[in-house]
Protein backbone atom coordinates (compact mmCIF):
# COMPACT_ATOMS: atom_id res chain seq x y z
CA MET A 1 37.29 -34.75 -8.90
CA LYS A 2 34.09 -36.13 -7.44
CA LEU A 3 31.01 -33.90 -7.59
CA ILE A 4 28.21 -33.27 -5.09
CA VAL A 5 25.04 -31.30 -5.80
CA GLN A 6 23.55 -29.64 -2.74
CA LYS A 7 20.11 -28.04 -2.57
CA TYR A 8 18.97 -25.56 0.08
CA GLY A 9 15.36 -24.49 0.56
CA GLY A 10 14.00 -21.04 1.28
CA SER A 11 13.76 -21.44 5.07
CA SER A 12 17.46 -22.31 5.12
CA LEU A 13 18.25 -18.95 3.47
CA ALA A 14 15.75 -16.70 5.23
CA THR A 15 18.28 -14.33 6.83
CA PRO A 16 21.80 -13.05 6.06
CA GLU A 17 23.15 -15.07 9.01
CA LEU A 18 21.64 -18.28 7.64
CA ILE A 19 23.08 -17.55 4.19
CA LYS A 20 26.53 -17.18 5.78
CA LYS A 21 26.13 -20.52 7.55
CA ILE A 22 25.18 -22.22 4.29
CA ALA A 23 28.25 -20.68 2.65
CA GLU A 24 30.42 -22.20 5.37
CA ARG A 25 28.90 -25.65 4.89
CA VAL A 26 29.40 -25.44 1.13
CA ILE A 27 33.04 -24.50 1.68
CA THR A 28 33.48 -27.42 4.09
CA THR A 29 32.27 -29.77 1.35
CA LYS A 30 34.73 -28.18 -1.09
CA GLU A 31 37.58 -28.63 1.41
CA GLN A 32 36.71 -32.34 1.62
CA GLY A 33 37.87 -32.67 -1.97
CA TYR A 34 34.59 -32.35 -3.89
CA ASP A 35 33.49 -30.12 -6.70
CA VAL A 36 30.28 -28.48 -5.53
CA VAL A 37 27.19 -27.28 -7.36
CA VAL A 38 24.64 -25.59 -5.12
CA VAL A 39 20.95 -25.19 -6.05
CA VAL A 40 18.90 -22.72 -4.03
CA SER A 41 15.28 -21.66 -3.66
CA ALA A 42 14.05 -18.13 -3.09
CA LEU A 43 14.73 -16.59 0.31
CA GLY A 44 12.13 -17.38 2.99
CA ASP A 45 8.61 -16.66 1.74
CA THR A 46 9.74 -14.54 -1.23
CA THR A 47 7.81 -16.62 -3.78
CA ASP A 48 4.59 -16.27 -1.77
CA HIS A 49 5.17 -12.52 -1.52
CA LEU A 50 5.68 -12.22 -5.28
CA GLN A 51 2.56 -14.28 -5.94
CA ASP A 52 0.59 -11.99 -3.61
CA LEU A 53 1.83 -8.94 -5.54
CA ALA A 54 0.68 -10.50 -8.81
CA ASP A 55 -2.74 -11.29 -7.32
CA GLN A 56 -3.13 -7.68 -6.17
CA ILE A 57 -2.44 -6.47 -9.70
CA SER A 58 -4.39 -9.03 -11.72
CA ARG A 59 -7.31 -11.34 -11.00
CA LYS A 60 -5.79 -13.90 -13.33
CA PRO A 61 -2.12 -13.13 -14.10
CA ALA A 62 -0.85 -14.25 -17.50
CA PRO A 63 1.27 -17.40 -16.91
CA ARG A 64 4.17 -16.01 -18.97
CA GLU A 65 4.33 -12.83 -16.90
CA LEU A 66 3.94 -14.80 -13.69
CA ASP A 67 7.00 -16.85 -14.60
CA MET A 68 8.96 -13.68 -15.31
CA LEU A 69 8.00 -12.39 -11.86
CA LEU A 70 8.39 -15.54 -9.76
CA SER A 71 11.79 -16.41 -11.24
CA VAL A 72 13.22 -13.25 -9.65
CA GLY A 73 13.25 -14.80 -6.16
CA GLU A 74 15.94 -17.37 -6.90
CA ARG A 75 18.12 -14.76 -8.62
CA ILE A 76 18.37 -12.90 -5.33
CA SER A 77 19.37 -16.10 -3.51
CA ILE A 78 22.09 -17.17 -5.93
CA SER A 79 23.82 -13.81 -5.98
CA LEU A 80 23.82 -13.44 -2.19
CA LEU A 81 25.11 -16.97 -1.60
CA ALA A 82 27.84 -16.55 -4.22
CA MET A 83 28.87 -13.30 -2.51
CA ALA A 84 29.00 -15.04 0.89
CA ILE A 85 31.19 -17.86 -0.44
CA THR A 86 33.54 -15.45 -2.22
CA GLU A 87 33.78 -13.31 0.92
CA ARG A 88 35.26 -16.36 2.67
CA GLY A 89 38.06 -16.73 0.15
CA TYR A 90 36.61 -19.28 -2.27
CA PRO A 91 35.73 -18.30 -5.84
CA ALA A 92 32.06 -18.75 -6.65
CA ILE A 93 29.79 -17.82 -9.52
CA SER A 94 25.99 -17.71 -9.78
CA PHE A 95 23.84 -18.72 -12.74
CA THR A 96 20.15 -18.64 -13.56
CA GLY A 97 18.47 -21.72 -14.96
CA SER A 98 18.57 -20.35 -18.48
CA GLN A 99 22.27 -19.46 -18.21
CA VAL A 100 23.25 -23.08 -17.50
CA GLY A 101 21.02 -24.45 -20.25
CA ILE A 102 18.09 -25.95 -18.33
CA ILE A 103 15.78 -26.46 -21.29
CA THR A 104 12.10 -26.98 -20.49
CA SER A 105 8.73 -27.44 -22.09
CA SER A 106 6.66 -24.33 -22.80
CA ASP A 107 4.10 -24.99 -20.03
CA HIS A 108 4.35 -21.78 -18.03
CA THR A 109 4.22 -22.20 -14.22
CA ARG A 110 4.44 -26.02 -14.59
CA ALA A 111 7.20 -26.65 -17.11
CA ARG A 112 9.04 -29.97 -17.41
CA ILE A 113 12.81 -30.25 -17.79
CA LEU A 114 13.65 -31.66 -21.22
CA GLU A 115 17.43 -31.27 -21.30
CA ILE A 116 20.34 -29.77 -19.38
CA LYS A 117 23.31 -28.60 -21.39
CA GLY A 118 25.54 -27.76 -18.40
CA ASP A 119 28.67 -26.74 -20.35
CA ARG A 120 29.03 -23.47 -18.46
CA ILE A 121 28.88 -25.33 -15.14
CA ARG A 122 31.54 -27.83 -16.22
CA HIS A 123 33.84 -25.03 -17.38
CA GLN A 124 33.52 -23.14 -14.07
CA LEU A 125 34.13 -26.32 -12.07
CA GLU A 126 37.30 -26.92 -14.07
CA GLU A 127 38.35 -23.38 -13.10
CA GLY A 128 38.00 -24.41 -9.45
CA LYS A 129 34.88 -22.38 -8.71
CA ILE A 130 31.85 -23.29 -6.64
CA VAL A 131 28.77 -22.95 -8.86
CA VAL A 132 25.47 -21.65 -7.47
CA VAL A 133 22.40 -22.28 -9.63
CA ALA A 134 18.87 -20.92 -9.36
CA GLY A 135 16.36 -23.67 -8.75
CA TYR A 136 12.75 -23.79 -9.93
CA GLN A 137 13.39 -22.22 -13.34
CA GLY A 138 14.64 -22.74 -16.88
CA VAL A 139 14.15 -21.58 -20.42
CA SER A 140 11.74 -23.12 -22.91
CA THR A 141 12.52 -24.33 -26.40
CA GLU A 142 10.92 -21.05 -27.50
CA LYS A 143 13.45 -19.08 -25.39
CA GLU A 144 10.90 -18.02 -22.78
CA ILE A 145 11.59 -18.00 -19.02
CA THR A 146 9.68 -20.83 -17.33
CA THR A 147 9.16 -22.13 -13.81
CA LEU A 148 8.74 -25.74 -12.73
CA GLY A 149 5.96 -25.35 -10.15
CA ARG A 150 6.24 -25.41 -6.37
CA GLY A 151 9.04 -27.67 -5.17
CA GLY A 152 10.76 -27.29 -8.53
CA SER A 153 14.14 -26.58 -6.95
CA ASP A 154 14.31 -30.23 -5.84
CA THR A 155 13.83 -31.30 -9.45
CA THR A 156 16.48 -28.81 -10.61
CA ALA A 157 19.02 -30.24 -8.16
CA ILE A 158 18.36 -33.86 -9.04
CA ALA A 159 18.32 -33.13 -12.78
CA LEU A 160 21.69 -31.36 -12.49
CA ALA A 161 23.07 -34.29 -10.50
CA ALA A 162 22.06 -36.59 -13.36
CA ALA A 163 23.39 -34.33 -16.12
CA LEU A 164 26.72 -33.74 -14.38
CA ASN A 165 27.16 -37.36 -13.24
CA ALA A 166 27.31 -36.35 -9.58
CA GLU A 167 28.12 -38.84 -6.86
CA LYS A 168 24.95 -37.85 -5.01
CA CYS A 169 22.44 -35.09 -4.44
CA GLU A 170 22.01 -33.67 -0.95
CA ILE A 171 18.61 -32.13 -0.19
CA MET A 172 19.11 -29.92 2.85
CA THR A 173 15.91 -28.77 4.56
CA ASP A 174 14.55 -27.54 7.87
CA VAL A 175 14.02 -31.16 8.99
CA ASP A 176 16.79 -33.69 9.49
CA GLY A 177 15.40 -36.51 7.37
CA VAL A 178 12.30 -38.41 6.30
CA TYR A 179 9.94 -39.46 9.08
CA THR A 180 7.08 -41.95 9.39
CA ALA A 181 4.80 -38.92 9.90
CA ASN A 182 5.23 -35.18 10.18
CA PRO A 183 7.12 -34.83 13.49
CA GLN A 184 5.51 -31.44 14.11
CA ASP A 185 2.13 -33.16 14.33
CA VAL A 186 3.26 -36.57 15.58
CA PRO A 187 6.19 -36.13 18.01
CA GLU A 188 6.60 -39.91 18.25
CA ALA A 189 7.30 -40.23 14.51
CA ARG A 190 10.41 -42.25 13.67
CA LYS A 191 13.16 -41.11 11.35
CA LEU A 192 13.75 -43.49 8.44
CA ASP A 193 17.45 -44.17 7.84
CA LYS A 194 16.79 -45.46 4.32
CA VAL A 195 13.82 -45.46 1.97
CA SER A 196 13.42 -46.54 -1.63
CA TYR A 197 12.36 -44.27 -4.47
CA ASP A 198 8.99 -46.01 -4.57
CA GLU A 199 8.41 -45.62 -0.84
CA MET A 200 9.33 -41.94 -1.03
CA LEU A 201 7.01 -41.45 -3.99
CA GLU A 202 4.10 -42.80 -1.98
CA LEU A 203 4.90 -40.58 1.01
CA SER A 204 5.32 -37.51 -1.18
CA ASP A 205 2.15 -38.09 -3.15
CA GLY A 206 0.30 -38.44 0.15
CA GLY A 207 1.42 -35.02 1.35
CA ALA A 208 4.91 -35.41 2.85
CA GLN A 209 6.69 -32.09 2.21
CA VAL A 210 10.33 -33.23 2.17
CA LEU A 211 10.50 -33.88 -1.58
CA LYS A 212 8.13 -33.38 -4.50
CA ALA A 213 7.01 -36.48 -6.39
CA SER A 214 8.31 -35.16 -9.73
CA ALA A 215 11.82 -34.84 -8.27
CA ILE A 216 11.75 -38.40 -6.92
CA GLU A 217 10.55 -39.75 -10.26
CA PHE A 218 13.49 -38.00 -11.95
CA ALA A 219 15.92 -39.51 -9.43
CA LYS A 220 14.45 -42.97 -9.96
CA ARG A 221 14.77 -42.75 -13.74
CA HIS A 222 18.41 -41.71 -13.50
CA ASN A 223 19.31 -43.71 -10.36
CA ILE A 224 20.48 -40.64 -8.42
CA LYS A 225 21.33 -41.24 -4.78
CA ILE A 226 19.56 -38.67 -2.58
CA GLU A 227 20.59 -37.77 0.95
CA VAL A 228 18.15 -35.70 3.04
CA GLY A 229 19.52 -33.73 5.95
CA SER A 230 19.26 -30.61 8.08
CA SER A 231 20.59 -27.38 6.64
CA PHE A 232 21.01 -26.09 10.21
CA THR A 233 23.16 -28.93 11.59
CA GLY A 234 24.56 -30.33 8.35
CA GLU A 235 23.69 -33.86 9.48
CA ILE A 236 22.30 -36.35 6.92
CA GLY A 237 19.29 -38.23 8.25
CA THR A 238 17.84 -40.31 5.40
CA ILE A 239 19.21 -41.93 2.26
CA ILE A 240 16.85 -42.42 -0.69
CA THR A 241 17.99 -45.01 -3.17
CA ASN A 242 16.93 -47.85 -5.46
CA GLY A 243 15.17 -51.03 -4.39
CA ASN A 244 12.54 -51.99 -1.81
CA LEU A 245 14.48 -52.07 1.45
CA ASP A 246 11.81 -53.82 3.49
CA LYS A 247 8.79 -55.27 1.76
CA ASN A 248 6.93 -55.91 4.98
CA ARG A 249 6.58 -52.49 6.56
CA VAL A 250 4.19 -49.59 6.58
CA THR A 251 6.52 -46.78 5.56
CA GLY A 252 4.53 -43.89 6.94
CA VAL A 253 1.32 -41.97 7.46
CA SER A 254 1.27 -38.70 5.54
CA HIS A 255 -1.39 -36.05 5.18
CA ASP A 256 -2.30 -33.17 2.91
CA GLU A 257 -4.35 -30.21 4.15
CA LYS A 258 -4.28 -28.25 0.91
CA VAL A 259 -7.01 -30.16 -0.92
CA VAL A 260 -10.68 -29.68 -1.80
CA LEU A 261 -13.19 -32.50 -2.29
CA VAL A 262 -15.21 -32.49 -5.52
CA ASN A 263 -18.44 -34.51 -5.57
CA MET A 264 -19.94 -35.02 -9.03
CA LYS A 265 -23.40 -36.37 -9.81
CA HIS A 266 -24.27 -37.48 -13.34
CA THR A 267 -26.69 -39.69 -15.25
CA GLU A 268 -24.81 -40.26 -18.51
CA ASN A 269 -21.95 -42.68 -19.12
CA GLY A 270 -18.54 -41.16 -19.73
CA VAL A 271 -19.13 -37.87 -17.91
CA ALA A 272 -16.77 -38.59 -15.01
CA SER A 273 -13.94 -40.00 -17.13
CA ALA A 274 -14.26 -37.13 -19.65
CA THR A 275 -14.11 -34.57 -16.84
CA ILE A 276 -11.08 -36.11 -15.17
CA LYS A 277 -9.33 -36.36 -18.54
CA LYS A 278 -10.07 -32.69 -19.24
CA LEU A 279 -8.68 -31.68 -15.84
CA ALA A 280 -5.48 -33.63 -16.51
CA GLN A 281 -5.08 -32.03 -19.93
CA GLU A 282 -5.24 -28.60 -18.31
CA GLY A 283 -2.62 -29.52 -15.72
CA VAL A 284 -5.02 -30.05 -12.80
CA ALA A 285 -3.97 -33.23 -11.00
CA VAL A 286 -6.68 -35.19 -9.20
CA LYS A 287 -6.32 -37.57 -6.27
CA GLY A 288 -8.40 -40.27 -4.69
CA VAL A 289 -10.89 -40.86 -7.49
CA TRP A 290 -13.87 -42.81 -6.17
CA HIS A 291 -16.81 -43.98 -8.32
CA LEU A 292 -20.14 -45.13 -6.92
CA GLU A 293 -23.12 -45.62 -9.24
CA GLN A 294 -23.91 -42.15 -10.64
CA THR A 295 -21.48 -40.24 -8.45
CA CYS A 296 -17.77 -39.59 -8.62
CA SER A 297 -15.61 -38.02 -5.92
CA PHE A 298 -12.02 -36.80 -6.16
CA LEU A 299 -9.64 -34.27 -4.66
CA VAL A 300 -7.86 -31.31 -6.23
CA ARG A 301 -5.22 -29.12 -4.66
CA LYS A 302 -6.31 -25.68 -3.49
CA GLU A 303 -3.75 -24.00 -5.72
CA ASN A 304 -5.53 -25.54 -8.72
CA LEU A 305 -9.06 -24.89 -7.49
CA GLU A 306 -9.81 -21.84 -9.63
CA GLY A 307 -8.81 -23.64 -12.83
CA ALA A 308 -10.64 -26.80 -11.77
CA ASN A 309 -13.80 -24.84 -11.02
CA GLU A 310 -13.78 -23.28 -14.49
CA ILE A 311 -13.34 -26.69 -16.14
CA LEU A 312 -16.13 -28.22 -14.05
CA LYS A 313 -18.49 -25.41 -15.05
CA GLU A 314 -17.50 -25.89 -18.69
CA GLN A 315 -18.27 -29.61 -18.40
CA GLN A 316 -21.56 -28.77 -16.73
CA ARG A 317 -22.56 -26.70 -19.74
CA ALA A 318 -21.66 -29.59 -22.05
CA TRP A 319 -23.47 -32.16 -19.85
CA PRO A 320 -26.65 -30.49 -18.48
CA ASN A 321 -27.44 -33.44 -16.21
CA MET A 322 -24.14 -33.11 -14.40
CA ALA A 323 -23.93 -31.35 -11.03
CA PHE A 324 -21.02 -30.85 -8.67
CA GLU A 325 -20.29 -29.45 -5.23
CA LEU A 326 -17.06 -28.50 -3.48
CA THR A 327 -16.26 -29.40 0.12
CA HIS A 328 -13.59 -27.32 1.83
CA ASP A 329 -12.02 -27.80 5.28
CA ILE A 330 -10.99 -31.38 4.64
CA GLY A 331 -7.70 -33.24 4.50
CA LEU A 332 -6.27 -36.36 2.87
CA VAL A 333 -4.62 -39.07 4.96
CA THR A 334 -2.47 -41.68 3.25
CA VAL A 335 -1.00 -44.86 4.71
CA SER A 336 1.77 -46.12 2.43
CA GLY A 337 4.07 -49.10 2.18
CA VAL A 338 5.57 -50.51 -0.99
CA GLY A 339 5.28 -54.29 -1.13
CA ILE A 340 2.40 -54.41 1.34
CA ASN A 341 -0.96 -55.61 0.16
CA PHE A 342 -3.39 -53.36 2.01
CA GLY A 343 -5.82 -56.13 2.77
CA THR A 344 -7.96 -57.07 5.73
CA ASP A 345 -5.30 -56.67 8.46
CA VAL A 346 -4.39 -53.04 7.76
CA MET A 347 -7.94 -52.15 6.77
CA SER A 348 -9.36 -53.60 9.99
CA LYS A 349 -6.87 -51.65 12.13
CA VAL A 350 -7.71 -48.40 10.35
CA ALA A 351 -11.44 -49.13 10.62
CA SER A 352 -10.97 -49.73 14.34
CA VAL A 353 -9.37 -46.29 14.73
CA PHE A 354 -12.29 -44.65 12.93
CA ASN A 355 -14.84 -46.53 15.02
CA LYS A 356 -13.17 -45.55 18.30
CA MET A 357 -13.03 -41.91 17.20
CA GLY A 358 -16.56 -41.89 15.79
CA VAL A 359 -15.22 -40.58 12.47
CA GLN A 360 -16.72 -41.37 9.07
CA PRO A 361 -14.32 -40.99 6.10
CA LEU A 362 -15.71 -38.83 3.31
CA THR A 363 -14.01 -40.91 0.62
CA TYR A 364 -11.44 -43.69 0.54
CA GLN A 365 -9.24 -45.44 -1.99
CA PHE A 366 -6.86 -48.37 -1.61
CA SER A 367 -4.31 -50.30 -3.64
CA GLU A 368 -1.41 -52.65 -2.98
CA THR A 369 0.80 -49.72 -1.93
CA ARG A 370 -1.49 -47.25 -0.20
CA LEU A 371 -4.72 -46.56 1.62
CA SER A 372 -6.04 -43.01 1.32
CA PHE A 373 -9.11 -41.34 2.73
CA ALA A 374 -10.50 -37.84 3.15
CA VAL A 375 -11.71 -36.61 6.53
CA GLU A 376 -12.87 -33.33 7.99
CA LYS A 377 -9.96 -31.04 8.82
CA SER A 378 -11.11 -30.72 12.44
CA VAL A 379 -10.12 -34.37 13.08
CA LEU A 380 -7.33 -34.72 10.50
CA LYS A 381 -4.26 -34.54 12.74
CA GLU A 382 -5.77 -36.68 15.45
CA VAL A 383 -6.64 -39.33 12.85
CA VAL A 384 -3.03 -39.26 11.59
CA LYS A 385 -1.69 -39.61 15.13
CA ARG A 386 -4.02 -42.50 16.04
CA ILE A 387 -3.36 -44.44 12.83
CA HIS A 388 0.40 -43.89 13.15
CA GLU A 389 0.25 -45.26 16.68
CA GLU A 390 -1.74 -48.31 15.59
CA LEU A 391 0.22 -49.23 12.44
CA ILE A 392 3.75 -48.11 13.27
CA MET A 393 4.33 -47.57 17.00
CA LYS A 394 2.71 -50.89 17.97
CA GLU A 395 4.67 -52.89 15.40
């Protein structure tokens, strides 16, 4: 029997009534002749609530204990959804990540999936059951509970689809597909019927919230077909698959509000590269690196700011001539399009938008596939809207 993996996010499971609706959609898929594996996130804002509890108890919670705490959220979801499915006459069983053999690295709060055994899932599918699996979590090679970082449930679903040789992976969210911009901020944004893995990677890395970049990279490596749709209507809006579907288009304009700008000043060679390397080693990803003479600017996510600040101070002690400052209340805007060389045409249109608005970008970076720049948060959404209109709506 053909297999589908479906993933539902926390907003799709926020109330008992929503959980019942998801159960009905899962059953509909089963009645269409598919085996079904369902991956779920924690209910609503449960993960945020658990993180807040940890922060009230400890200024710097131990990563191992944080994983033990945060992994609880998905356990609630899987049991409730399995109950709802069973209540409707279809046998279902719930499993945690460790129970189905999702083996990860030992990097607490940011583990990587190394292997999925999946034998227990296969056995339950053969018994005719619907299997509900906790997203976002696994067990390390040292038999410790681990979590995959925010958005990790997407990676869990796609990894299971690969391990179980599923026909496709459906990512069901509170939006009905992938858009050329966030439709909440840009009502004119267009829904994309199809995008390639590479196009989706660029959008995700620029701040699009539909799918995390790590999940897309996993899908690309294993050639997993992804369908993105609405968990409320059940309609599929966008298909993500292999290949560049249109090499001559700007795919979208995405933005990220959860970033902080770091400006470094130094007088010795190697300081900037050594600092960025150290940040990467400690799991702090940087974006938009920009070098100019004896300065270096880059962005870090707010969730990583405390760790980044400690590393920067450590580097400052090692390099006395180094200084840095943090700029808050900014955002990153990214124009992406695989196969497009972001040369004079696109650059001139973007520059025209800035000139008309009287806005000066704080930093910018460009390549063949993207153009990114940081701006003050007060103008962020208007910049996104104006650039989207110029590069997409007028084309």
